[in-house]
Amino acid sequence: TDLERDARYALAGGLCAAISHGLATPIDVVKTRQQTVPAFAQVPLARGLAQVAAAEGPAALLTGLGPTLVGYGAGGALKFGVYEAINP
């Protein structure tokens, strides 16, 4: 049915958005440090990833992953699901 098709499109959009943004979480962690911690301002990405992992453990690179998955997952599901539902 149309409802099942639209639900599959929404699920696909949500999963794709959540996965793609979730994979970028470690980059966001370093970017946020560069913006808020003066000592990190000029640190290259690879060195920043290594420094955070060494100082706080690898799990620190996933700080904010939960809200990222939920927020972008819901946004992607709505965007893609609604687009496909109204697209003729």
PDB file of N, CA and C in Angstrom:
ATOM      1  N   THR A   1       0.839  -1.190   0.000  1.00  0.00           N
ATOM      2  CA  THR A   1       0.000   0.000   0.000  1.00  0.00           C
ATOM      3  C   THR A   1       0.882   1.251   0.000  1.00  0.00           C
ATOM      4  N   ASP A   2       0.238   2.367  -0.229  1.00  0.00           N
ATOM      5  CA  ASP A   2       0.984   3.632  -0.239  1.00  0.00           C
ATOM      6  C   ASP A   2       1.580   3.956   1.128  1.00  0.00           C
ATOM      7  N   LEU A   3       0.830   3.631   2.175  1.00  0.00           N
ATOM      8  CA  LEU A   3       1.327   3.919   3.523  1.00  0.00           C
ATOM      9  C   LEU A   3       2.580   3.100   3.832  1.00  0.00           C
ATOM     10  N   GLU A   4       2.590   1.838   3.455  1.00  0.00           N
ATOM     11  CA  GLU A   4       3.767   0.999   3.674  1.00  0.00           C
ATOM     12  C   GLU A   4       4.956   1.500   2.859  1.00  0.00           C
ATOM     13  N   ARG A   5       4.707   1.906   1.629  1.00  0.00           N
ATOM     14  CA  ARG A   5       5.772   2.434   0.779  1.00  0.00           C
ATOM     15  C   ARG A   5       6.341   3.709   1.396  1.00  0.00           C
ATOM     16  N   ASP A   6       5.465   4.608   1.830  1.00  0.00           N
ATOM     17  CA  ASP A   6       5.924   5.861   2.436  1.00  0.00           C
ATOM     18  C   ASP A   6       6.695   5.609   3.725  1.00  0.00           C
ATOM     19  N   ALA A   7       6.261   4.611   4.497  1.00  0.00           N
ATOM     20  CA  ALA A   7       6.971   4.282   5.738  1.00  0.00           C
ATOM     21  C   ALA A   7       8.371   3.750   5.432  1.00  0.00           C
ATOM     22  N   ARG A   8       8.490   2.963   4.367  1.00  0.00           N
ATOM     23  CA  ARG A   8       9.816   2.457   3.988  1.00  0.00           C
ATOM     24  C   ARG A   8      10.720   3.606   3.552  1.00  0.00           C
ATOM     25  N   TYR A   9      10.174   4.559   2.810  1.00  0.00           N
ATOM     26  CA  TYR A   9      10.971   5.720   2.404  1.00  0.00           C
ATOM     27  C   TYR A   9      11.394   6.538   3.624  1.00  0.00           C
ATOM     28  N   ALA A  10      10.483   6.713   4.565  1.00  0.00           N
ATOM     29  CA  ALA A  10      10.817   7.473   5.776  1.00  0.00           C
ATOM     30  C   ALA A  10      11.900   6.745   6.572  1.00  0.00           C
ATOM     31  N   LEU A  11      11.772   5.435   6.703  1.00  0.00           N
ATOM     32  CA  LEU A  11      12.780   4.653   7.422  1.00  0.00           C
ATOM     33  C   LEU A  11      14.139   4.755   6.730  1.00  0.00           C
ATOM     34  N   ALA A  12      14.141   4.637   5.415  1.00  0.00           N
ATOM     35  CA  ALA A  12      15.400   4.731   4.669  1.00  0.00           C
ATOM     36  C   ALA A  12      16.038   6.109   4.850  1.00  0.00           C
ATOM     37  N   GLY A  13      15.239   7.151   4.755  1.00  0.00           N
ATOM     38  CA  GLY A  13      15.766   8.503   4.934  1.00  0.00           C
ATOM     39  C   GLY A  13      16.306   8.724   6.333  1.00  0.00           C
ATOM     40  N   GLY A  14      15.585   8.213   7.330  1.00  0.00           N
ATOM     41  CA  GLY A  14      16.034   8.349   8.713  1.00  0.00           C
ATOM     42  C   GLY A  14      17.322   7.602   8.984  1.00  0.00           C
ATOM     43  N   LEU A  15      17.396   6.375   8.484  1.00  0.00           N
ATOM     44  CA  LEU A  15      18.616   5.583   8.681  1.00  0.00           C
ATOM     45  C   LEU A  15      19.817   6.223   7.989  1.00  0.00           C
ATOM     46  N   CYS A  16      19.624   6.653   6.769  1.00  0.00           N
ATOM     47  CA  CYS A  16      20.740   7.263   6.031  1.00  0.00           C
ATOM     48  C   CYS A  16      21.240   8.533   6.716  1.00  0.00           C
ATOM     49  N   ALA A  17      20.319   9.379   7.142  1.00  0.00           N
ATOM     50  CA  ALA A  17      20.728  10.617   7.814  1.00  0.00           C
ATOM     51  C   ALA A  17      21.411  10.324   9.138  1.00  0.00           C
ATOM     52  N   ALA A  18      20.853   9.395   9.920  1.00  0.00           N
ATOM     53  CA  ALA A  18      21.440   9.061  11.220  1.00  0.00           C
ATOM     54  C   ALA A  18      22.832   8.462  11.054  1.00  0.00           C
ATOM     55  N   ILE A  19      22.990   7.562  10.119  1.00  0.00           N
ATOM     56  CA  ILE A  19      24.289   6.915   9.909  1.00  0.00           C
ATOM     57  C   ILE A  19      25.329   7.917   9.416  1.00  0.00           C
ATOM     58  N   SER A  20      24.964   8.706   8.414  1.00  0.00           N
ATOM     59  CA  SER A  20      25.954   9.630   7.848  1.00  0.00           C
ATOM     60  C   SER A  20      26.387  10.684   8.865  1.00  0.00           C
ATOM     61  N   HIS A  21      25.454  11.213   9.627  1.00  0.00           N
ATOM     62  CA  HIS A  21      25.825  12.209  10.628  1.00  0.00           C
ATOM     63  C   HIS A  21      26.486  11.563  11.845  1.00  0.00           C
ATOM     64  N   GLY A  22      26.075  10.346  12.169  1.00  0.00           N
ATOM     65  CA  GLY A  22      26.711   9.632  13.277  1.00  0.00           C
ATOM     66  C   GLY A  22      28.178   9.362  13.007  1.00  0.00           C
ATOM     67  N   LEU A  23      28.491   9.017  11.763  1.00  0.00           N
ATOM     68  CA  LEU A  23      29.885   8.764  11.405  1.00  0.00           C
ATOM     69  C   LEU A  23      30.747  10.023  11.517  1.00  0.00           C
ATOM     70  N   ALA A  24      30.115  11.171  11.418  1.00  0.00           N
ATOM     71  CA  ALA A  24      30.852  12.438  11.493  1.00  0.00           C
ATOM     72  C   ALA A  24      31.001  12.940  12.933  1.00  0.00           C
ATOM     73  N   THR A  25      30.447  12.235  13.902  1.00  0.00           N
ATOM     74  CA  THR A  25      30.490  12.699  15.293  1.00  0.00           C
ATOM     75  C   THR A  25      31.911  12.953  15.799  1.00  0.00           C
ATOM     76  N   PRO A  26      32.877  12.068  15.565  1.00  0.00           N
ATOM     77  CA  PRO A  26      34.237  12.372  16.041  1.00  0.00           C
ATOM     78  C   PRO A  26      34.802  13.666  15.447  1.00  0.00           C
ATOM     79  N   ILE A  27      34.471  13.938  14.204  1.00  0.00           N
ATOM     80  CA  ILE A  27      34.920  15.185  13.574  1.00  0.00           C
ATOM     81  C   ILE A  27      34.275  16.371  14.279  1.00  0.00           C
ATOM     82  N   ASP A  28      32.993  16.260  14.623  1.00  0.00           N
ATOM     83  CA  ASP A  28      32.299  17.334  15.340  1.00  0.00           C
ATOM     84  C   ASP A  28      32.901  17.566  16.720  1.00  0.00           C
ATOM     85  N   VAL A  29      33.315  16.483  17.384  1.00  0.00           N
ATOM     86  CA  VAL A  29      33.932  16.621  18.702  1.00  0.00           C
ATOM     87  C   VAL A  29      35.210  17.458  18.591  1.00  0.00           C
ATOM     88  N   VAL A  30      36.049  17.140  17.622  1.00  0.00           N
ATOM     89  CA  VAL A  30      37.296  17.887  17.449  1.00  0.00           C
ATOM     90  C   VAL A  30      36.995  19.325  17.020  1.00  0.00           C
ATOM     91  N   LYS A  31      36.051  19.503  16.100  1.00  0.00           N
ATOM     92  CA  LYS A  31      35.689  20.848  15.644  1.00  0.00           C
ATOM     93  C   LYS A  31      35.219  21.716  16.814  1.00  0.00           C
ATOM     94  N   THR A  32      34.403  21.122  17.689  1.00  0.00           N
ATOM     95  CA  THR A  32      33.915  21.869  18.843  1.00  0.00           C
ATOM     96  C   THR A  32      35.062  22.245  19.770  1.00  0.00           C
ATOM     97  N   ARG A  33      36.015  21.331  19.956  1.00  0.00           N
ATOM     98  CA  ARG A  33      37.196  21.652  20.772  1.00  0.00           C
ATOM     99  C   ARG A  33      37.990  22.786  20.129  1.00  0.00           C
ATOM    100  N   GLN A  34      38.137  22.749  18.815  1.00  0.00           N
ATOM    101  CA  GLN A  34      38.882  23.804  18.126  1.00  0.00           C
ATOM    102  C   GLN A  34      38.214  25.163  18.317  1.00  0.00           C
ATOM    103  N   GLN A  35      36.896  25.164  18.420  1.00  0.00           N
ATOM    104  CA  GLN A  35      36.160  26.419  18.554  1.00  0.00           C
ATOM    105  C   GLN A  35      36.085  26.923  19.994  1.00  0.00           C
ATOM    106  N   THR A  36      36.221  26.019  20.957  1.00  0.00           N
ATOM    107  CA  THR A  36      35.991  26.415  22.350  1.00  0.00           C
ATOM    108  C   THR A  36      37.210  26.313  23.262  1.00  0.00           C
ATOM    109  N   VAL A  37      38.232  25.573  22.854  1.00  0.00           N
ATOM    110  CA  VAL A  37      39.424  25.403  23.688  1.00  0.00           C
ATOM    111  C   VAL A  37      40.601  26.057  22.962  1.00  0.00           C
ATOM    112  N   PRO A  38      41.127  27.153  23.501  1.00  0.00           N
ATOM    113  CA  PRO A  38      42.194  27.876  22.801  1.00  0.00           C
ATOM    114  C   PRO A  38      43.386  26.995  22.401  1.00  0.00           C
ATOM    115  N   ALA A  39      43.770  26.045  23.237  1.00  0.00           N
ATOM    116  CA  ALA A  39      44.912  25.187  22.913  1.00  0.00           C
ATOM    117  C   ALA A  39      44.633  24.279  21.717  1.00  0.00           C
ATOM    118  N   PHE A  40      43.364  24.078  21.386  1.00  0.00           N
ATOM    119  CA  PHE A  40      42.976  23.211  20.266  1.00  0.00           C
ATOM    120  C   PHE A  40      42.761  23.991  18.966  1.00  0.00           C
ATOM    121  N   ALA A  41      42.831  25.313  19.022  1.00  0.00           N
ATOM    122  CA  ALA A  41      42.434  26.147  17.885  1.00  0.00           C
ATOM    123  C   ALA A  41      43.145  25.801  16.582  1.00  0.00           C
ATOM    124  N   GLN A  42      44.417  25.490  16.632  1.00  0.00           N
ATOM    125  CA  GLN A  42      45.187  25.229  15.415  1.00  0.00           C
ATOM    126  C   GLN A  42      45.575  23.756  15.250  1.00  0.00           C
ATOM    127  N   VAL A  43      44.960  22.889  16.036  1.00  0.00           N
ATOM    128  CA  VAL A  43      45.296  21.465  15.982  1.00  0.00           C
ATOM    129  C   VAL A  43      44.641  20.837  14.751  1.00  0.00           C
ATOM    130  N   PRO A  44      45.402  20.150  13.901  1.00  0.00           N
ATOM    131  CA  PRO A  44      44.809  19.469  12.748  1.00  0.00           C
ATOM    132  C   PRO A  44      43.868  18.345  13.197  1.00  0.00           C
ATOM    133  N   LEU A  45      42.952  17.957  12.326  1.00  0.00           N
ATOM    134  CA  LEU A  45      41.937  16.967  12.663  1.00  0.00           C
ATOM    135  C   LEU A  45      42.537  15.662  13.176  1.00  0.00           C
ATOM    136  N   ALA A  46      43.467  15.081  12.445  1.00  0.00           N
ATOM    137  CA  ALA A  46      44.035  13.783  12.850  1.00  0.00           C
ATOM    138  C   ALA A  46      44.690  13.876  14.226  1.00  0.00           C
ATOM    139  N   ARG A  47      45.422  14.933  14.471  1.00  0.00           N
ATOM    140  CA  ARG A  47      46.068  15.102  15.770  1.00  0.00           C
ATOM    141  C   ARG A  47      45.019  15.338  16.858  1.00  0.00           C
ATOM    142  N   GLY A  48      43.983  16.082  16.532  1.00  0.00           N
ATOM    143  CA  GLY A  48      42.906  16.319  17.495  1.00  0.00           C
ATOM    144  C   GLY A  48      42.190  15.033  17.880  1.00  0.00           C
ATOM    145  N   LEU A  49      41.914  14.182  16.891  1.00  0.00           N
ATOM    146  CA  LEU A  49      41.292  12.882  17.179  1.00  0.00           C
ATOM    147  C   LEU A  49      42.170  12.069  18.126  1.00  0.00           C
ATOM    148  N   ALA A  50      43.463  12.039  17.839  1.00  0.00           N
ATOM    149  CA  ALA A  50      44.401  11.276  18.662  1.00  0.00           C
ATOM    150  C   ALA A  50      44.508  11.859  20.070  1.00  0.00           C
ATOM    151  N   GLN A  51      44.535  13.175  20.178  1.00  0.00           N
ATOM    152  CA  GLN A  51      44.666  13.813  21.491  1.00  0.00           C
ATOM    153  C   GLN A  51      43.441  13.558  22.364  1.00  0.00           C
ATOM    154  N   VAL A  52      42.259  13.677  21.783  1.00  0.00           N
ATOM    155  CA  VAL A  52      41.037  13.430  22.562  1.00  0.00           C
ATOM    156  C   VAL A  52      40.996  11.973  23.006  1.00  0.00           C
ATOM    157  N   ALA A  53      41.290  11.059  22.094  1.00  0.00           N
ATOM    158  CA  ALA A  53      41.264   9.632  22.434  1.00  0.00           C
ATOM    159  C   ALA A  53      42.291   9.298  23.507  1.00  0.00           C
ATOM    160  N   ALA A  54      43.482   9.879  23.432  1.00  0.00           N
ATOM    161  CA  ALA A  54      44.533   9.603  24.412  1.00  0.00           C
ATOM    162  C   ALA A  54      44.200  10.192  25.779  1.00  0.00           C
ATOM    163  N   ALA A  55      43.664  11.396  25.782  1.00  0.00           N
ATOM    164  CA  ALA A  55      43.409  12.084  27.054  1.00  0.00           C
ATOM    165  C   ALA A  55      42.139  11.603  27.755  1.00  0.00           C
ATOM    166  N   GLU A  56      41.104  11.271  26.972  1.00  0.00           N
ATOM    167  CA  GLU A  56      39.806  10.966  27.579  1.00  0.00           C
ATOM    168  C   GLU A  56      39.267   9.584  27.232  1.00  0.00           C
ATOM    169  N   GLY A  57      39.999   8.871  26.402  1.00  0.00           N
ATOM    170  CA  GLY A  57      39.540   7.563  25.969  1.00  0.00           C
ATOM    171  C   GLY A  57      38.791   7.668  24.657  1.00  0.00           C
ATOM    172  N   PRO A  58      38.789   6.592  23.877  1.00  0.00           N
ATOM    173  CA  PRO A  58      38.149   6.619  22.562  1.00  0.00           C
ATOM    174  C   PRO A  58      36.653   6.951  22.611  1.00  0.00           C
ATOM    175  N   ALA A  59      35.986   6.593  23.702  1.00  0.00           N
ATOM    176  CA  ALA A  59      34.549   6.863  23.807  1.00  0.00           C
ATOM    177  C   ALA A  59      34.251   8.365  23.782  1.00  0.00           C
ATOM    178  N   ALA A  60      35.211   9.187  24.172  1.00  0.00           N
ATOM    179  CA  ALA A  60      35.002  10.636  24.165  1.00  0.00           C
ATOM    180  C   ALA A  60      34.756  11.154  22.754  1.00  0.00           C
ATOM    181  N   LEU A  61      35.249  10.442  21.751  1.00  0.00           N
ATOM    182  CA  LEU A  61      35.032  10.861  20.363  1.00  0.00           C
ATOM    183  C   LEU A  61      33.585  10.662  19.930  1.00  0.00           C
ATOM    184  N   LEU A  62      32.811   9.950  20.736  1.00  0.00           N
ATOM    185  CA  LEU A  62      31.403   9.728  20.413  1.00  0.00           C
ATOM    186  C   LEU A  62      30.472  10.579  21.268  1.00  0.00           C
ATOM    187  N   THR A  63      31.030  11.589  21.914  1.00  0.00           N
ATOM    188  CA  THR A  63      30.224  12.493  22.722  1.00  0.00           C
ATOM    189  C   THR A  63      29.151  13.139  21.842  1.00  0.00           C
ATOM    190  N   GLY A  64      27.897  13.017  22.260  1.00  0.00           N
ATOM    191  CA  GLY A  64      26.800  13.599  21.494  1.00  0.00           C
ATOM    192  C   GLY A  64      26.222  12.686  20.429  1.00  0.00           C
ATOM    193  N   LEU A  65      26.681  11.433  20.370  1.00  0.00           N
ATOM    194  CA  LEU A  65      26.193  10.517  19.337  1.00  0.00           C
ATOM    195  C   LEU A  65      24.697  10.254  19.460  1.00  0.00           C
ATOM    196  N   GLY A  66      24.213  10.043  20.677  1.00  0.00           N
ATOM    197  CA  GLY A  66      22.784   9.753  20.872  1.00  0.00           C
ATOM    198  C   GLY A  66      21.877  10.839  20.322  1.00  0.00           C
ATOM    199  N   PRO A  67      22.048  12.083  20.769  1.00  0.00           N
ATOM    200  CA  PRO A  67      21.208  13.153  20.231  1.00  0.00           C
ATOM    201  C   PRO A  67      21.374  13.348  18.724  1.00  0.00           C
ATOM    202  N   THR A  68      22.575  13.107  18.220  1.00  0.00           N
ATOM    203  CA  THR A  68      22.810  13.227  16.776  1.00  0.00           C
ATOM    204  C   THR A  68      21.985  12.199  16.019  1.00  0.00           C
ATOM    205  N   LEU A  69      22.015  10.951  16.484  1.00  0.00           N
ATOM    206  CA  LEU A  69      21.258   9.897  15.815  1.00  0.00           C
ATOM    207  C   LEU A  69      19.756  10.167  15.857  1.00  0.00           C
ATOM    208  N   VAL A  70      19.270  10.573  17.018  1.00  0.00           N
ATOM    209  CA  VAL A  70      17.834  10.827  17.160  1.00  0.00           C
ATOM    210  C   VAL A  70      17.408  12.032  16.315  1.00  0.00           C
ATOM    211  N   GLY A  71      18.135  13.116  16.444  1.00  0.00           N
ATOM    212  CA  GLY A  71      17.755  14.346  15.737  1.00  0.00           C
ATOM    213  C   GLY A  71      17.823  14.215  14.233  1.00  0.00           C
ATOM    214  N   TYR A  72      18.960  13.762  13.737  1.00  0.00           N
ATOM    215  CA  TYR A  72      19.096  13.639  12.285  1.00  0.00           C
ATOM    216  C   TYR A  72      18.276  12.476  11.737  1.00  0.00           C
ATOM    217  N   GLY A  73      18.096  11.426  12.548  1.00  0.00           N
ATOM    218  CA  GLY A  73      17.251  10.316  12.120  1.00  0.00           C
ATOM    219  C   GLY A  73      15.809  10.768  11.922  1.00  0.00           C
ATOM    220  N   ALA A  74      15.294  11.511  12.896  1.00  0.00           N
ATOM    221  CA  ALA A  74      13.925  12.019  12.782  1.00  0.00           C
ATOM    222  C   ALA A  74      13.806  13.022  11.636  1.00  0.00           C
ATOM    223  N   GLY A  75      14.776  13.910  11.540  1.00  0.00           N
ATOM    224  CA  GLY A  75      14.737  14.906  10.461  1.00  0.00           C
ATOM    225  C   GLY A  75      14.805  14.264   9.092  1.00  0.00           C
ATOM    226  N   GLY A  76      15.696  13.286   8.924  1.00  0.00           N
ATOM    227  CA  GLY A  76      15.816  12.596   7.640  1.00  0.00           C
ATOM    228  C   GLY A  76      14.561  11.820   7.296  1.00  0.00           C
ATOM    229  N   ALA A  77      13.967  11.183   8.315  1.00  0.00           N
ATOM    230  CA  ALA A  77      12.729  10.431   8.081  1.00  0.00           C
ATOM    231  C   ALA A  77      11.608  11.357   7.636  1.00  0.00           C
ATOM    232  N   LEU A  78      11.474  12.480   8.297  1.00  0.00           N
ATOM    233  CA  LEU A  78      10.421  13.428   7.922  1.00  0.00           C
ATOM    234  C   LEU A  78      10.675  14.030   6.539  1.00  0.00           C
ATOM    235  N   LYS A  79      11.899  14.480   6.318  1.00  0.00           N
ATOM    236  CA  LYS A  79      12.218  15.107   5.039  1.00  0.00           C
ATOM    237  C   LYS A  79      11.994  14.160   3.869  1.00  0.00           C
ATOM    238  N   PHE A  80      12.609  12.995   3.946  1.00  0.00           N
ATOM    239  CA  PHE A  80      12.531  12.059   2.848  1.00  0.00           C
ATOM    240  C   PHE A  80      11.150  11.427   2.750  1.00  0.00           C
ATOM    241  N   GLY A  81      10.558  11.097   3.913  1.00  0.00           N
ATOM    242  CA  GLY A  81       9.229  10.503   3.924  1.00  0.00           C
ATOM    243  C   GLY A  81       8.170  11.423   3.357  1.00  0.00           C
ATOM    244  N   VAL A  82       8.180  12.686   3.780  1.00  0.00           N
ATOM    245  CA  VAL A  82       7.195  13.646   3.268  1.00  0.00           C
ATOM    246  C   VAL A  82       7.444  13.933   1.801  1.00  0.00           C
ATOM    247  N   TYR A  83       8.705  14.077   1.414  1.00  0.00           N
ATOM    248  CA  TYR A  83       9.018  14.337   0.010  1.00  0.00           C
ATOM    249  C   TYR A  83       8.453  13.228  -0.871  1.00  0.00           C
ATOM    250  N   GLU A  84       8.695  11.979  -0.510  1.00  0.00           N
ATOM    251  CA  GLU A  84       8.216  10.864  -1.319  1.00  0.00           C
ATOM    252  C   GLU A  84       6.702  10.745  -1.282  1.00  0.00           C
ATOM    253  N   ALA A  85       6.078  11.095  -0.160  1.00  0.00           N
ATOM    254  CA  ALA A  85       4.622  11.007  -0.043  1.00  0.00           C
ATOM    255  C   ALA A  85       3.922  12.025  -0.930  1.00  0.00           C
ATOM    256  N   ILE A  86       4.526  13.220  -1.085  1.00  0.00           N
ATOM    257  CA  ILE A  86       3.852  14.254  -1.880  1.00  0.00           C
ATOM    258  C   ILE A  86       4.368  14.316  -3.315  1.00  0.00           C
ATOM    259  N   ASN A  87       5.424  13.585  -3.601  1.00  0.00           N
ATOM    260  CA  ASN A  87       5.983  13.562  -4.960  1.00  0.00           C
ATOM    261  C   ASN A  87       5.085  12.698  -5.851  1.00  0.00           C
ATOM    262  N   PRO A  88       4.581  13.259  -6.946  1.00  0.00           N
ATOM    263  CA  PRO A  88       3.674  12.471  -7.801  1.00  0.00           C
ATOM    264  C   PRO A  88       4.345  11.317  -8.513  1.00  0.00           C
TER     265      PRO A  88
END
